[in-house]
Amino acid sequence: MSFFPPDPESPPFDDAPAVRSPWWTAPTDRLPVLYPASEILVTTGHLAIALAGVDVYADGAEIRIERRLRRNDAPLDEWQRMNNVFMEHWAGHGQSSAGRLRYGVVLSTGEQVISDRAFGFAGDPMSPPKGSSLVRSGGGGGGDGHSYSSNDALWLWPLPPPGSLELVLQWPALGVPETRTYLDVSSFGELAERSVPFWP
């Protein structure tokens, strides 16, 4: 008799296609239409955060954010502290910290929608929220001993109503108070109609 027990049988492979929860993520099978928005939202001696555009889909919009951190002659210990804050955010840590990076939007109806987690949706991904949702995902990051860059994508579902959309952010740990930027999203309905599937 062998010392090691036999491996358990593997469960059968589930070959069914994944079902997308539209409040959770942007579609991967559609080409969005770009809403041309390019604006520096925040700049300090070490940090810059910019709006790089909005991808408009038939059922929502993805707000693209670029972030940059530079050493700018900071002493090594201060640079390491700032870089750790920047990296902790990117890695999804520090979600409960009062100093964390937070995003939100205010719709033209007055509804406030907050993305209060480093990544992902706070609710059940299989159950739609009672109102709108703002889910944060991120791309890669990279840098060296003097600079670092990363990005965020904020999936807003459903498509916001016409009028003004207010983008709100703060990052107290890196010296960024509550900051607001306004976008006129009245054209989003027309742009959404031009979003097409990759495959007919």
N, C-alpha and C. Protein backbone atom coordinates (compact mmCIF):
# COMPACT_ATOMS: atom_id res chain seq x y z
N MET A 1 0.85 -1.18 0.00
CA MET A 1 0.00 0.00 0.00
C MET A 1 0.89 1.24 0.00
N SER A 2 0.57 2.18 -0.88
CA SER A 2 1.37 3.39 -1.00
C SER A 2 1.13 4.31 0.18
N PHE A 3 2.19 5.02 0.57
CA PHE A 3 2.07 6.01 1.64
C PHE A 3 1.14 7.14 1.24
N PHE A 4 1.23 7.57 -0.03
CA PHE A 4 0.42 8.70 -0.50
C PHE A 4 -0.91 8.21 -1.07
N PRO A 5 -2.01 8.83 -0.64
CA PRO A 5 -3.30 8.39 -1.18
C PRO A 5 -3.44 8.83 -2.64
N PRO A 6 -4.31 8.18 -3.39
CA PRO A 6 -4.51 8.60 -4.79
C PRO A 6 -5.16 9.99 -4.85
N ASP A 7 -4.86 10.69 -5.93
CA ASP A 7 -5.46 12.01 -6.12
C ASP A 7 -6.96 11.88 -6.33
N PRO A 8 -7.72 12.87 -5.83
CA PRO A 8 -9.16 12.82 -6.09
C PRO A 8 -9.43 13.04 -7.58
N GLU A 9 -10.56 12.56 -8.03
CA GLU A 9 -10.92 12.75 -9.43
C GLU A 9 -11.21 14.23 -9.69
N SER A 10 -10.76 14.71 -10.83
CA SER A 10 -11.02 16.10 -11.20
C SER A 10 -12.47 16.24 -11.62
N PRO A 11 -13.09 17.37 -11.25
CA PRO A 11 -14.48 17.58 -11.69
C PRO A 11 -14.51 17.75 -13.21
N PRO A 12 -15.62 17.44 -13.83
CA PRO A 12 -15.71 17.60 -15.29
C PRO A 12 -15.54 19.07 -15.68
N PHE A 13 -14.90 19.28 -16.80
CA PHE A 13 -14.65 20.64 -17.28
C PHE A 13 -15.95 21.28 -17.73
N ASP A 14 -16.21 22.48 -17.23
CA ASP A 14 -17.42 23.22 -17.61
C ASP A 14 -17.11 24.04 -18.86
N ASP A 15 -17.63 23.60 -19.98
CA ASP A 15 -17.34 24.24 -21.26
C ASP A 15 -18.38 25.29 -21.65
N ALA A 16 -19.29 25.58 -20.74
CA ALA A 16 -20.33 26.57 -21.06
C ALA A 16 -19.71 27.97 -21.10
N PRO A 17 -20.13 28.81 -22.03
CA PRO A 17 -19.58 30.18 -22.08
C PRO A 17 -19.98 30.97 -20.83
N ALA A 18 -19.07 31.82 -20.41
CA ALA A 18 -19.35 32.66 -19.24
C ALA A 18 -20.46 33.65 -19.58
N VAL A 19 -21.29 33.91 -18.60
CA VAL A 19 -22.37 34.87 -18.77
C VAL A 19 -21.93 36.18 -18.14
N ARG A 20 -21.95 37.24 -18.91
CA ARG A 20 -21.50 38.55 -18.42
C ARG A 20 -22.56 39.20 -17.56
N SER A 21 -22.15 39.73 -16.41
CA SER A 21 -23.01 40.58 -15.60
C SER A 21 -22.73 42.01 -16.02
N PRO A 22 -23.65 42.70 -16.71
CA PRO A 22 -23.34 44.01 -17.28
C PRO A 22 -22.99 45.07 -16.26
N TRP A 23 -23.44 44.93 -15.02
CA TRP A 23 -23.10 45.90 -13.98
C TRP A 23 -21.70 45.66 -13.43
N TRP A 24 -21.07 44.57 -13.83
CA TRP A 24 -19.77 44.17 -13.27
C TRP A 24 -18.60 44.58 -14.17
N THR A 25 -18.80 44.50 -15.47
CA THR A 25 -17.68 44.72 -16.38
C THR A 25 -18.14 45.17 -17.75
N ALA A 26 -17.26 45.86 -18.44
CA ALA A 26 -17.53 46.28 -19.82
C ALA A 26 -17.57 45.06 -20.73
N PRO A 27 -18.32 45.12 -21.82
CA PRO A 27 -18.36 43.98 -22.73
C PRO A 27 -17.02 43.80 -23.44
N THR A 28 -16.67 42.55 -23.68
CA THR A 28 -15.42 42.26 -24.40
C THR A 28 -15.68 41.94 -25.87
N ASP A 29 -16.96 41.86 -26.26
CA ASP A 29 -17.27 41.49 -27.63
C ASP A 29 -17.82 42.66 -28.45
N ARG A 30 -17.62 43.88 -27.94
CA ARG A 30 -18.09 45.06 -28.67
C ARG A 30 -16.97 46.09 -28.78
N LEU A 31 -17.03 46.87 -29.85
CA LEU A 31 -16.10 47.98 -30.04
C LEU A 31 -16.74 49.24 -29.49
N PRO A 32 -16.12 49.88 -28.50
CA PRO A 32 -16.71 51.10 -27.95
C PRO A 32 -16.46 52.29 -28.88
N VAL A 33 -17.15 53.36 -28.61
CA VAL A 33 -16.94 54.62 -29.31
C VAL A 33 -16.28 55.57 -28.30
N LEU A 34 -15.20 56.20 -28.71
CA LEU A 34 -14.44 57.05 -27.81
C LEU A 34 -15.10 58.42 -27.66
N TYR A 35 -15.35 58.79 -26.41
CA TYR A 35 -15.75 60.15 -26.08
C TYR A 35 -14.45 60.90 -25.78
N PRO A 36 -14.11 61.92 -26.59
CA PRO A 36 -12.79 62.55 -26.45
C PRO A 36 -12.72 63.46 -25.23
N ALA A 37 -12.20 62.90 -24.16
CA ALA A 37 -11.99 63.68 -22.93
C ALA A 37 -10.55 63.47 -22.51
N SER A 38 -9.83 64.55 -22.39
CA SER A 38 -8.42 64.47 -22.00
C SER A 38 -8.14 65.67 -21.11
N GLU A 39 -7.89 65.38 -19.83
CA GLU A 39 -7.75 66.48 -18.88
C GLU A 39 -6.93 66.04 -17.68
N ILE A 40 -6.02 66.89 -17.24
CA ILE A 40 -5.29 66.62 -16.00
C ILE A 40 -6.23 66.95 -14.85
N LEU A 41 -6.46 65.97 -13.99
CA LEU A 41 -7.39 66.13 -12.88
C LEU A 41 -6.70 66.63 -11.63
N VAL A 42 -5.49 66.13 -11.39
CA VAL A 42 -4.74 66.45 -10.19
C VAL A 42 -3.26 66.51 -10.53
N THR A 43 -2.57 67.48 -9.99
CA THR A 43 -1.11 67.48 -10.10
C THR A 43 -0.52 68.06 -8.82
N THR A 44 0.45 67.36 -8.27
CA THR A 44 1.21 67.83 -7.12
C THR A 44 2.68 67.78 -7.52
N GLY A 45 3.57 68.01 -6.59
CA GLY A 45 4.98 67.92 -6.92
C GLY A 45 5.43 66.53 -7.30
N HIS A 46 4.64 65.52 -6.88
CA HIS A 46 5.05 64.14 -7.13
C HIS A 46 4.02 63.31 -7.90
N LEU A 47 2.77 63.72 -7.88
CA LEU A 47 1.69 62.90 -8.42
C LEU A 47 0.91 63.64 -9.49
N ALA A 48 0.53 62.92 -10.54
CA ALA A 48 -0.39 63.45 -11.55
C ALA A 48 -1.45 62.39 -11.84
N ILE A 49 -2.70 62.83 -11.92
CA ILE A 49 -3.81 61.94 -12.29
C ILE A 49 -4.56 62.62 -13.41
N ALA A 50 -4.81 61.88 -14.49
CA ALA A 50 -5.45 62.47 -15.67
C ALA A 50 -6.58 61.60 -16.20
N LEU A 51 -7.58 62.26 -16.75
CA LEU A 51 -8.64 61.60 -17.49
C LEU A 51 -8.13 61.38 -18.90
N ALA A 52 -8.11 60.14 -19.35
CA ALA A 52 -7.54 59.82 -20.66
C ALA A 52 -8.60 59.51 -21.71
N GLY A 53 -9.87 59.57 -21.35
CA GLY A 53 -10.93 59.30 -22.31
C GLY A 53 -12.02 58.47 -21.69
N VAL A 54 -13.14 58.36 -22.41
CA VAL A 54 -14.26 57.54 -21.97
C VAL A 54 -14.67 56.65 -23.14
N ASP A 55 -14.69 55.35 -22.91
CA ASP A 55 -15.17 54.40 -23.91
C ASP A 55 -16.66 54.19 -23.69
N VAL A 56 -17.46 54.52 -24.69
CA VAL A 56 -18.92 54.42 -24.57
C VAL A 56 -19.40 53.16 -25.26
N TYR A 57 -20.13 52.35 -24.52
CA TYR A 57 -20.72 51.10 -25.03
C TYR A 57 -22.24 51.25 -25.04
N ALA A 58 -22.92 50.24 -25.55
CA ALA A 58 -24.37 50.28 -25.61
C ALA A 58 -25.01 50.32 -24.23
N ASP A 59 -24.36 49.71 -23.23
CA ASP A 59 -25.00 49.61 -21.92
C ASP A 59 -24.20 50.24 -20.78
N GLY A 60 -23.19 51.03 -21.09
CA GLY A 60 -22.42 51.67 -20.03
C GLY A 60 -21.23 52.42 -20.61
N ALA A 61 -20.42 52.96 -19.73
CA ALA A 61 -19.26 53.74 -20.15
C ALA A 61 -18.07 53.43 -19.25
N GLU A 62 -16.91 53.32 -19.85
CA GLU A 62 -15.68 53.05 -19.10
C GLU A 62 -14.80 54.29 -19.10
N ILE A 63 -14.60 54.84 -17.91
CA ILE A 63 -13.80 56.05 -17.74
C ILE A 63 -12.35 55.61 -17.53
N ARG A 64 -11.45 56.11 -18.37
CA ARG A 64 -10.05 55.69 -18.30
C ARG A 64 -9.21 56.76 -17.61
N ILE A 65 -8.47 56.34 -16.59
CA ILE A 65 -7.65 57.24 -15.77
C ILE A 65 -6.18 56.81 -15.87
N GLU A 66 -5.30 57.78 -16.06
CA GLU A 66 -3.85 57.54 -16.04
C GLU A 66 -3.27 58.16 -14.78
N ARG A 67 -2.35 57.45 -14.13
CA ARG A 67 -1.70 57.96 -12.92
C ARG A 67 -0.19 57.90 -13.07
N ARG A 68 0.49 58.95 -12.60
CA ARG A 68 1.95 59.02 -12.65
C ARG A 68 2.49 59.49 -11.31
N LEU A 69 3.59 58.88 -10.90
CA LEU A 69 4.28 59.28 -9.67
C LEU A 69 5.75 59.51 -10.03
N ARG A 70 6.30 60.63 -9.57
CA ARG A 70 7.72 60.90 -9.83
C ARG A 70 8.42 61.24 -8.51
N ARG A 71 9.69 60.90 -8.45
CA ARG A 71 10.45 61.14 -7.23
C ARG A 71 10.71 62.62 -7.02
N ASN A 72 11.15 63.31 -8.07
CA ASN A 72 11.33 64.76 -8.02
C ASN A 72 12.20 65.20 -6.84
N ASP A 73 13.37 64.58 -6.71
CA ASP A 73 14.36 64.93 -5.68
C ASP A 73 13.90 64.66 -4.25
N ALA A 74 12.87 63.87 -4.06
CA ALA A 74 12.47 63.50 -2.69
C ALA A 74 13.54 62.62 -2.07
N PRO A 75 13.78 62.74 -0.78
CA PRO A 75 14.72 61.83 -0.11
C PRO A 75 14.26 60.39 -0.30
N LEU A 76 15.20 59.46 -0.25
CA LEU A 76 14.90 58.07 -0.55
C LEU A 76 13.79 57.50 0.33
N ASP A 77 13.82 57.80 1.64
CA ASP A 77 12.79 57.24 2.52
C ASP A 77 11.40 57.78 2.17
N GLU A 78 11.31 59.06 1.80
CA GLU A 78 10.03 59.64 1.40
C GLU A 78 9.56 59.05 0.07
N TRP A 79 10.48 58.88 -0.87
CA TRP A 79 10.14 58.26 -2.15
C TRP A 79 9.62 56.84 -1.95
N GLN A 80 10.27 56.09 -1.09
CA GLN A 80 9.82 54.72 -0.84
C GLN A 80 8.43 54.71 -0.21
N ARG A 81 8.17 55.64 0.70
CA ARG A 81 6.84 55.73 1.31
C ARG A 81 5.77 56.02 0.24
N MET A 82 6.04 57.03 -0.61
CA MET A 82 5.07 57.38 -1.65
C MET A 82 4.87 56.22 -2.62
N ASN A 83 5.96 55.59 -3.00
CA ASN A 83 5.89 54.48 -3.94
C ASN A 83 5.11 53.31 -3.34
N ASN A 84 5.30 53.06 -2.03
CA ASN A 84 4.55 51.99 -1.36
C ASN A 84 3.05 52.28 -1.38
N VAL A 85 2.67 53.54 -1.13
CA VAL A 85 1.26 53.92 -1.18
C VAL A 85 0.72 53.70 -2.60
N PHE A 86 1.48 54.14 -3.58
CA PHE A 86 1.08 54.00 -4.99
C PHE A 86 0.94 52.53 -5.35
N MET A 87 1.92 51.72 -4.95
CA MET A 87 1.93 50.29 -5.28
C MET A 87 0.86 49.53 -4.51
N GLU A 88 0.64 49.89 -3.24
CA GLU A 88 -0.39 49.20 -2.46
C GLU A 88 -1.75 49.39 -3.12
N HIS A 89 -2.00 50.60 -3.60
CA HIS A 89 -3.26 50.85 -4.30
C HIS A 89 -3.36 49.96 -5.53
N TRP A 90 -2.28 49.94 -6.33
CA TRP A 90 -2.32 49.18 -7.58
C TRP A 90 -2.49 47.69 -7.31
N ALA A 91 -1.89 47.22 -6.24
CA ALA A 91 -1.99 45.80 -5.92
C ALA A 91 -3.31 45.44 -5.25
N GLY A 92 -4.13 46.45 -4.91
CA GLY A 92 -5.43 46.17 -4.31
C GLY A 92 -5.42 46.08 -2.80
N HIS A 93 -4.33 46.52 -2.16
CA HIS A 93 -4.25 46.48 -0.71
C HIS A 93 -4.72 47.81 -0.14
N GLY A 94 -4.84 47.86 1.16
CA GLY A 94 -5.15 49.12 1.83
C GLY A 94 -6.56 49.62 1.58
N GLN A 95 -7.51 48.70 1.27
CA GLN A 95 -8.85 49.14 0.94
C GLN A 95 -9.57 49.83 2.09
N SER A 96 -9.20 49.50 3.33
CA SER A 96 -9.91 50.10 4.46
C SER A 96 -9.23 51.36 4.96
N SER A 97 -8.12 51.73 4.38
CA SER A 97 -7.39 52.91 4.84
C SER A 97 -8.14 54.18 4.47
N ALA A 98 -8.22 55.10 5.43
CA ALA A 98 -8.90 56.37 5.17
C ALA A 98 -8.13 57.20 4.15
N GLY A 99 -6.86 56.91 3.95
CA GLY A 99 -6.06 57.68 3.01
C GLY A 99 -6.03 57.12 1.61
N ARG A 100 -6.83 56.08 1.33
CA ARG A 100 -6.76 55.40 0.04
C ARG A 100 -7.33 56.25 -1.10
N LEU A 101 -7.00 55.86 -2.31
CA LEU A 101 -7.56 56.48 -3.51
C LEU A 101 -9.01 56.02 -3.66
N ARG A 102 -9.91 56.99 -3.83
CA ARG A 102 -11.33 56.68 -3.98
C ARG A 102 -11.88 57.45 -5.18
N TYR A 103 -12.81 56.81 -5.88
CA TYR A 103 -13.48 57.42 -7.03
C TYR A 103 -14.99 57.40 -6.81
N GLY A 104 -15.66 58.35 -7.45
CA GLY A 104 -17.11 58.36 -7.46
C GLY A 104 -17.61 59.24 -8.58
N VAL A 105 -18.90 59.14 -8.87
CA VAL A 105 -19.52 60.02 -9.86
C VAL A 105 -20.85 60.50 -9.31
N VAL A 106 -21.27 61.66 -9.78
CA VAL A 106 -22.61 62.17 -9.51
C VAL A 106 -23.30 62.32 -10.86
N LEU A 107 -24.43 61.64 -11.02
CA LEU A 107 -25.17 61.68 -12.27
C LEU A 107 -26.03 62.94 -12.33
N SER A 108 -26.55 63.25 -13.50
CA SER A 108 -27.38 64.45 -13.66
C SER A 108 -28.66 64.36 -12.84
N THR A 109 -29.06 63.15 -12.45
CA THR A 109 -30.25 62.96 -11.61
C THR A 109 -29.95 63.24 -10.14
N GLY A 110 -28.66 63.43 -9.81
CA GLY A 110 -28.26 63.63 -8.42
C GLY A 110 -27.79 62.35 -7.76
N GLU A 111 -27.96 61.19 -8.42
CA GLU A 111 -27.51 59.93 -7.84
C GLU A 111 -25.99 59.93 -7.68
N GLN A 112 -25.53 59.55 -6.50
CA GLN A 112 -24.10 59.45 -6.22
C GLN A 112 -23.70 57.98 -6.26
N VAL A 113 -22.65 57.68 -7.04
CA VAL A 113 -22.20 56.31 -7.21
C VAL A 113 -20.72 56.26 -6.83
N ILE A 114 -20.37 55.37 -5.90
CA ILE A 114 -19.01 55.33 -5.38
C ILE A 114 -18.36 53.99 -5.71
N SER A 115 -17.11 54.05 -6.15
CA SER A 115 -16.29 52.85 -6.27
C SER A 115 -15.39 52.85 -5.05
N ASP A 116 -15.76 52.07 -4.05
CA ASP A 116 -15.09 52.15 -2.75
C ASP A 116 -14.20 50.95 -2.46
N ARG A 117 -13.87 50.21 -3.48
CA ARG A 117 -12.95 49.08 -3.32
C ARG A 117 -11.78 49.31 -4.27
N ALA A 118 -10.63 48.71 -3.94
CA ALA A 118 -9.48 48.86 -4.83
C ALA A 118 -9.83 48.32 -6.21
N PHE A 119 -10.43 47.13 -6.27
CA PHE A 119 -10.86 46.57 -7.54
C PHE A 119 -12.11 45.76 -7.31
N GLY A 120 -12.98 45.75 -8.29
CA GLY A 120 -14.15 44.89 -8.22
C GLY A 120 -15.39 45.59 -7.70
N PHE A 121 -16.43 44.81 -7.58
CA PHE A 121 -17.77 45.28 -7.23
C PHE A 121 -18.08 44.80 -5.82
N ALA A 122 -18.57 45.70 -4.97
CA ALA A 122 -18.77 45.37 -3.57
C ALA A 122 -19.93 44.40 -3.36
N GLY A 123 -20.87 44.36 -4.28
CA GLY A 123 -22.03 43.51 -4.11
C GLY A 123 -21.84 42.14 -4.73
N ASP A 124 -22.95 41.42 -4.90
CA ASP A 124 -22.95 40.11 -5.52
C ASP A 124 -22.85 40.30 -7.03
N PRO A 125 -21.80 39.77 -7.67
CA PRO A 125 -21.66 39.99 -9.12
C PRO A 125 -22.78 39.38 -9.94
N MET A 126 -23.56 38.47 -9.34
CA MET A 126 -24.65 37.84 -10.08
C MET A 126 -25.99 38.55 -9.89
N SER A 127 -26.04 39.50 -8.95
CA SER A 127 -27.30 40.21 -8.69
C SER A 127 -27.14 41.68 -9.03
N PRO A 128 -28.00 42.24 -9.86
CA PRO A 128 -27.85 43.65 -10.22
C PRO A 128 -28.06 44.56 -9.01
N PRO A 129 -27.32 45.66 -8.97
CA PRO A 129 -27.51 46.61 -7.87
C PRO A 129 -28.84 47.34 -8.01
N LYS A 130 -29.27 47.99 -6.94
CA LYS A 130 -30.54 48.71 -6.97
C LYS A 130 -30.46 49.97 -7.81
N GLY A 131 -29.27 50.55 -7.92
CA GLY A 131 -29.09 51.74 -8.73
C GLY A 131 -27.95 51.53 -9.71
N SER A 132 -27.26 52.60 -10.01
CA SER A 132 -26.11 52.51 -10.90
C SER A 132 -24.93 51.91 -10.14
N SER A 133 -23.93 51.44 -10.87
CA SER A 133 -22.73 50.90 -10.24
C SER A 133 -21.50 51.48 -10.92
N LEU A 134 -20.42 51.57 -10.16
CA LEU A 134 -19.13 52.04 -10.64
C LEU A 134 -18.09 51.03 -10.16
N VAL A 135 -17.55 50.26 -11.09
CA VAL A 135 -16.62 49.18 -10.75
C VAL A 135 -15.25 49.51 -11.30
N ARG A 136 -14.26 49.35 -10.46
CA ARG A 136 -12.91 49.73 -10.81
C ARG A 136 -12.07 48.51 -11.15
N SER A 137 -11.35 48.62 -12.26
CA SER A 137 -10.36 47.61 -12.62
C SER A 137 -9.09 48.37 -12.98
N GLY A 138 -8.02 47.67 -13.16
CA GLY A 138 -6.77 48.37 -13.44
C GLY A 138 -5.92 47.62 -14.43
N GLY A 139 -5.10 48.37 -15.09
CA GLY A 139 -4.14 47.77 -15.98
C GLY A 139 -2.83 47.57 -15.26
N GLY A 140 -1.82 47.27 -15.99
CA GLY A 140 -0.51 47.06 -15.40
C GLY A 140 0.13 48.36 -14.98
N GLY A 141 1.26 48.23 -14.37
CA GLY A 141 2.03 49.39 -13.96
C GLY A 141 3.51 49.08 -14.10
N GLY A 142 4.29 50.10 -14.03
CA GLY A 142 5.73 49.88 -14.13
C GLY A 142 6.47 51.15 -13.83
N GLY A 143 7.75 51.01 -13.61
CA GLY A 143 8.55 52.19 -13.33
C GLY A 143 9.97 51.83 -12.97
N ASP A 144 10.65 52.79 -12.37
CA ASP A 144 12.04 52.60 -11.97
C ASP A 144 12.27 53.34 -10.65
N GLY A 145 13.50 53.67 -10.34
CA GLY A 145 13.80 54.33 -9.09
C GLY A 145 13.38 55.78 -9.01
N HIS A 146 12.83 56.33 -10.10
CA HIS A 146 12.47 57.75 -10.10
C HIS A 146 11.06 58.05 -10.60
N SER A 147 10.38 57.05 -11.14
CA SER A 147 9.02 57.30 -11.62
C SER A 147 8.24 56.00 -11.65
N TYR A 148 6.91 56.15 -11.63
CA TYR A 148 6.04 54.98 -11.70
C TYR A 148 4.75 55.40 -12.39
N SER A 149 4.15 54.49 -13.13
CA SER A 149 2.90 54.79 -13.82
C SER A 149 1.94 53.62 -13.71
N SER A 150 0.67 53.93 -13.73
CA SER A 150 -0.37 52.92 -13.70
C SER A 150 -1.65 53.54 -14.23
N ASN A 151 -2.70 52.73 -14.34
CA ASN A 151 -3.97 53.26 -14.83
C ASN A 151 -5.14 52.56 -14.17
N ASP A 152 -6.27 53.19 -14.23
CA ASP A 152 -7.52 52.64 -13.72
C ASP A 152 -8.58 52.73 -14.80
N ALA A 153 -9.52 51.80 -14.77
CA ALA A 153 -10.70 51.85 -15.62
C ALA A 153 -11.91 51.79 -14.71
N LEU A 154 -12.82 52.74 -14.87
CA LEU A 154 -14.02 52.81 -14.04
C LEU A 154 -15.23 52.49 -14.91
N TRP A 155 -15.83 51.33 -14.71
CA TRP A 155 -16.98 50.91 -15.50
C TRP A 155 -18.25 51.43 -14.84
N LEU A 156 -18.93 52.35 -15.53
CA LEU A 156 -20.17 52.94 -15.05
C LEU A 156 -21.33 52.29 -15.77
N TRP A 157 -22.21 51.67 -14.99
CA TRP A 157 -23.39 50.99 -15.54
C TRP A 157 -24.63 51.46 -14.79
N PRO A 158 -25.75 51.65 -15.50
CA PRO A 158 -25.89 51.66 -16.96
C PRO A 158 -25.35 52.97 -17.54
N LEU A 159 -25.61 53.19 -18.81
CA LEU A 159 -25.20 54.43 -19.46
C LEU A 159 -25.78 55.61 -18.67
N PRO A 160 -24.96 56.61 -18.36
CA PRO A 160 -25.49 57.73 -17.56
C PRO A 160 -26.52 58.53 -18.33
N PRO A 161 -27.47 59.14 -17.64
CA PRO A 161 -28.47 59.96 -18.31
C PRO A 161 -27.84 61.22 -18.89
N PRO A 162 -28.49 61.85 -19.86
CA PRO A 162 -27.94 63.07 -20.46
C PRO A 162 -27.74 64.17 -19.41
N GLY A 163 -26.83 65.07 -19.73
CA GLY A 163 -26.56 66.19 -18.83
C GLY A 163 -25.13 66.14 -18.36
N SER A 164 -24.91 66.58 -17.15
CA SER A 164 -23.57 66.68 -16.60
C SER A 164 -23.25 65.46 -15.74
N LEU A 165 -22.06 64.93 -15.90
CA LEU A 165 -21.55 63.87 -15.04
C LEU A 165 -20.37 64.45 -14.27
N GLU A 166 -20.40 64.29 -12.97
CA GLU A 166 -19.36 64.83 -12.10
C GLU A 166 -18.47 63.67 -11.63
N LEU A 167 -17.19 63.74 -11.97
CA LEU A 167 -16.22 62.74 -11.54
C LEU A 167 -15.53 63.26 -10.28
N VAL A 168 -15.57 62.47 -9.21
CA VAL A 168 -15.00 62.87 -7.92
C VAL A 168 -13.91 61.89 -7.53
N LEU A 169 -12.78 62.41 -7.04
CA LEU A 169 -11.72 61.54 -6.54
C LEU A 169 -11.02 62.19 -5.37
N GLN A 170 -10.36 61.35 -4.58
CA GLN A 170 -9.49 61.85 -3.51
C GLN A 170 -8.45 60.78 -3.20
N TRP A 171 -7.29 61.23 -2.71
CA TRP A 171 -6.22 60.31 -2.32
C TRP A 171 -5.42 60.98 -1.22
N PRO A 172 -5.98 61.06 -0.02
CA PRO A 172 -5.33 61.81 1.07
C PRO A 172 -3.91 61.36 1.37
N ALA A 173 -3.63 60.06 1.26
CA ALA A 173 -2.29 59.57 1.59
C ALA A 173 -1.22 60.15 0.68
N LEU A 174 -1.62 60.65 -0.50
CA LEU A 174 -0.67 61.29 -1.41
C LEU A 174 -0.99 62.76 -1.60
N GLY A 175 -1.71 63.34 -0.64
CA GLY A 175 -1.93 64.78 -0.64
C GLY A 175 -2.98 65.29 -1.58
N VAL A 176 -3.92 64.43 -1.98
CA VAL A 176 -4.97 64.84 -2.92
C VAL A 176 -6.30 64.97 -2.18
N PRO A 177 -6.81 66.20 -2.01
CA PRO A 177 -8.12 66.37 -1.38
C PRO A 177 -9.23 66.00 -2.36
N GLU A 178 -10.46 66.07 -1.91
CA GLU A 178 -11.59 65.79 -2.80
C GLU A 178 -11.55 66.74 -3.99
N THR A 179 -11.55 66.17 -5.18
CA THR A 179 -11.42 66.93 -6.42
C THR A 179 -12.55 66.54 -7.37
N ARG A 180 -13.15 67.54 -8.03
CA ARG A 180 -14.31 67.28 -8.90
C ARG A 180 -14.05 67.81 -10.31
N THR A 181 -14.51 67.03 -11.28
CA THR A 181 -14.39 67.40 -12.69
C THR A 181 -15.74 67.11 -13.35
N TYR A 182 -16.15 67.99 -14.24
CA TYR A 182 -17.47 67.87 -14.87
C TYR A 182 -17.33 67.50 -16.34
N LEU A 183 -18.18 66.57 -16.78
CA LEU A 183 -18.23 66.17 -18.19
C LEU A 183 -19.66 66.32 -18.68
N ASP A 184 -19.82 66.81 -19.89
CA ASP A 184 -21.13 66.86 -20.53
C ASP A 184 -21.33 65.54 -21.26
N VAL A 185 -22.20 64.69 -20.75
CA VAL A 185 -22.39 63.36 -21.33
C VAL A 185 -23.67 63.27 -22.16
N SER A 186 -24.17 64.42 -22.61
CA SER A 186 -25.42 64.44 -23.38
C SER A 186 -25.31 63.65 -24.68
N SER A 187 -24.10 63.50 -25.21
CA SER A 187 -23.91 62.79 -26.48
C SER A 187 -23.76 61.29 -26.29
N PHE A 188 -23.75 60.80 -25.04
CA PHE A 188 -23.47 59.38 -24.81
C PHE A 188 -24.52 58.46 -25.45
N GLY A 189 -25.78 58.88 -25.47
CA GLY A 189 -26.82 58.05 -26.08
C GLY A 189 -26.55 57.83 -27.56
N GLU A 190 -26.17 58.90 -28.26
CA GLU A 190 -25.87 58.77 -29.68
C GLU A 190 -24.60 57.94 -29.90
N LEU A 191 -23.58 58.16 -29.07
CA LEU A 191 -22.33 57.39 -29.20
C LEU A 191 -22.60 55.91 -28.94
N ALA A 192 -23.45 55.61 -27.96
CA ALA A 192 -23.75 54.22 -27.62
C ALA A 192 -24.37 53.47 -28.79
N GLU A 193 -25.17 54.17 -29.59
CA GLU A 193 -25.79 53.53 -30.75
C GLU A 193 -24.77 53.15 -31.81
N ARG A 194 -23.59 53.79 -31.76
CA ARG A 194 -22.56 53.50 -32.75
C ARG A 194 -21.59 52.43 -32.29
N SER A 195 -21.75 51.94 -31.04
CA SER A 195 -20.93 50.82 -30.56
C SER A 195 -21.40 49.55 -31.27
N VAL A 196 -20.48 48.84 -31.86
CA VAL A 196 -20.84 47.68 -32.68
C VAL A 196 -20.17 46.42 -32.17
N PRO A 197 -20.79 45.25 -32.40
CA PRO A 197 -20.15 44.00 -31.99
C PRO A 197 -18.98 43.66 -32.90
N PHE A 198 -17.98 42.98 -32.36
CA PHE A 198 -16.87 42.53 -33.19
C PHE A 198 -17.30 41.48 -34.18
N TRP A 199 -18.24 40.62 -33.78
CA TRP A 199 -18.75 39.57 -34.66
C TRP A 199 -20.25 39.76 -34.83
N PRO A 200 -20.74 39.69 -36.06
CA PRO A 200 -22.19 39.84 -36.26
C PRO A 200 -22.96 38.67 -35.67
